[in-house]
Protein backbone atom coordinates (compact mmCIF):
# COMPACT_ATOMS: atom_id res chain seq x y z
CA UNK A 1 27.61 0.58 -2.49
CA UNK A 2 29.47 3.74 -3.31
CA UNK A 3 28.02 7.24 -3.29
CA UNK A 4 28.43 7.39 -7.09
CA UNK A 5 26.45 4.20 -7.36
CA UNK A 6 23.61 5.76 -5.27
CA UNK A 7 23.61 8.86 -7.31
CA UNK A 8 23.47 6.89 -10.58
CA UNK A 9 20.58 4.77 -9.27
CA UNK A 10 18.73 7.98 -8.16
CA UNK A 11 19.18 9.52 -11.58
CA UNK A 12 17.61 6.27 -13.18
CA UNK A 13 14.72 6.46 -10.73
CA UNK A 14 14.02 10.10 -11.72
CA UNK A 15 14.21 9.32 -15.43
CA UNK A 16 11.77 6.38 -15.04
CA UNK A 17 9.41 8.43 -12.84
CA UNK A 18 9.45 11.23 -15.44
CA UNK A 19 8.60 8.87 -18.29
CA UNK A 20 5.69 7.48 -16.25
CA UNK A 21 4.39 10.85 -15.05
CA UNK A 22 4.96 9.98 -11.37
CA UNK A 23 7.24 12.95 -10.66
CA UNK A 24 6.97 16.67 -10.42
CA UNK A 25 10.26 18.29 -11.52
CA UNK A 26 11.02 21.68 -10.03
CA UNK A 27 11.13 24.53 -12.43
CA UNK A 28 14.54 26.01 -13.18
CA UNK A 29 15.78 28.47 -10.59
CA UNK A 30 13.07 27.63 -7.93
CA UNK A 31 15.37 27.27 -4.86
CA UNK A 32 12.50 26.27 -2.58
CA UNK A 33 12.12 23.00 -4.52
CA UNK A 34 15.69 21.84 -4.95
CA UNK A 35 14.60 18.14 -5.45
CA UNK A 36 12.02 16.41 -7.65
CA UNK A 37 8.69 15.54 -5.95
CA UNK A 38 7.61 11.90 -6.41
CA UNK A 39 3.88 11.47 -6.49
CA UNK A 40 2.72 8.81 -3.93
CA UNK A 41 -0.94 8.73 -4.83
CA UNK A 42 -2.44 8.06 -1.44
CA UNK A 43 0.37 5.91 0.00
CA UNK A 44 -0.19 5.77 3.76
CA UNK A 45 2.37 7.40 6.07
CA UNK A 46 2.64 6.57 9.67
CA UNK A 47 3.59 9.71 11.56
CA UNK A 48 4.38 9.46 15.18
CA UNK A 49 3.12 12.65 16.75
CA UNK A 50 1.94 13.49 20.25
CA UNK A 51 -1.85 13.49 19.95
CA UNK A 52 -3.82 14.80 22.87
CA UNK A 53 -7.34 13.33 23.09
CA UNK A 54 -10.23 13.60 25.45
CA UNK A 55 -10.56 10.36 27.50
CA UNK A 56 -14.04 8.98 28.04
CA UNK A 57 -13.45 5.91 30.17
CA UNK A 58 -10.66 3.71 31.44
CA UNK A 59 -10.62 0.29 32.99
CA UNK A 60 -8.03 -2.30 33.92
CA UNK A 61 -8.23 -3.72 30.45
CA UNK A 62 -8.71 -0.74 28.17
CA UNK A 63 -9.67 2.84 27.35
CA UNK A 64 -12.02 4.88 25.13
CA UNK A 65 -11.50 8.39 23.90
CA UNK A 66 -12.64 10.92 21.34
CA UNK A 67 -10.23 11.77 18.42
CA UNK A 68 -10.44 14.15 15.53
CA UNK A 69 -9.34 11.54 13.09
CA UNK A 70 -10.25 7.73 12.60
CA UNK A 71 -8.10 4.94 13.99
CA UNK A 72 -7.93 1.51 12.31
CA UNK A 73 -8.97 -1.52 14.26
CA UNK A 74 -5.91 -3.61 15.07
CA UNK A 75 -3.69 -0.40 14.98
CA UNK A 76 -1.41 -0.15 18.00
CA UNK A 77 -0.29 3.08 19.74
CA UNK A 78 1.55 4.05 22.79
CA UNK A 79 -0.52 5.98 25.35
CA UNK A 80 0.43 7.92 28.44
CA UNK A 81 -1.58 9.81 31.08
CA UNK A 82 0.56 12.38 32.72
CA UNK A 83 3.25 10.77 34.74
CA UNK A 84 0.95 7.96 36.04
CA UNK A 85 1.68 5.37 33.34
CA UNK A 86 2.75 4.56 29.78
CA UNK A 87 1.08 1.60 28.06
CA UNK A 88 0.53 0.12 24.62
CA UNK A 89 -2.97 -0.05 23.26
CA UNK A 90 -4.70 -1.77 20.34
CA UNK A 91 -7.72 -0.24 18.66
CA UNK A 92 -10.76 -2.51 19.05
CA UNK A 93 -13.31 -0.17 17.36
CA UNK A 94 -13.55 3.34 15.96
CA UNK A 95 -16.99 4.89 15.20
CA UNK A 96 -17.91 8.27 13.77
CA UNK A 97 -19.67 9.91 16.63
CA UNK A 98 -20.38 13.48 15.62
CA UNK A 99 -19.76 15.75 12.67
CA UNK A 100 -20.20 19.54 12.45
CA UNK A 101 -20.51 20.45 8.77
CA UNK A 102 -20.39 24.17 9.50
CA UNK A 103 -17.04 23.94 11.21
CA UNK A 104 -15.78 21.01 9.16
CA UNK A 105 -15.16 19.07 12.32
CA UNK A 106 -15.36 15.37 12.85
CA UNK A 107 -15.27 13.34 16.06
CA UNK A 108 -14.60 9.66 16.39
CA UNK A 109 -15.16 7.48 19.43
CA UNK A 110 -12.18 5.05 19.75
CA UNK A 111 -12.08 1.95 21.95
CA UNK A 112 -8.82 0.34 22.75
CA UNK A 113 -7.60 -2.52 24.80
CA UNK A 114 -4.26 -2.72 26.63
CA UNK A 115 -1.77 -5.08 24.96
CA UNK A 116 -0.18 -7.89 26.84
CA UNK A 117 -0.60 -6.10 30.12
CA UNK A 118 -3.30 -4.67 32.37
CA UNK A 119 -3.14 -1.57 34.46
CA UNK A 120 -2.16 -2.24 38.05
CA UNK A 121 -4.97 -1.37 40.34
CA UNK A 122 -2.59 1.14 42.09
CA UNK A 123 -2.01 2.97 38.79
CA UNK A 124 -5.83 3.08 38.11
CA UNK A 125 -6.56 4.35 41.53
CA UNK A 126 -3.89 7.12 41.23
CA UNK A 127 -5.47 8.20 37.92
CA UNK A 128 -8.94 8.23 39.28
CA UNK A 129 -8.09 10.05 42.41
CA UNK A 130 -6.55 13.06 40.51
């Protein structure tokens, strides 16, 4: 497809979104908003960020930790602890553990299992001996 074809398709998408009310067109002259904003209405986004959490327990088969946001059972994530190891985990359970209404803080207890691998005893011992 050519660049012109992509531009034409984009313009058709904008026109359709404007007719259906799913778009927020920038006001004339507002340079901060050079492009239209399409309303996603709660569409989930997966954002890969480095999240630091407080570990509770670790074993050869899994880990549990506290997080400030909920994890979904079945969700997979990469986990590392210092330079000791990197491993893939799958969420087994996530429970609301504590809420502080005054500070608007929430804490979840997340339990995960290691996917298709177990920690080697040597890695676990190095972690525990820290």
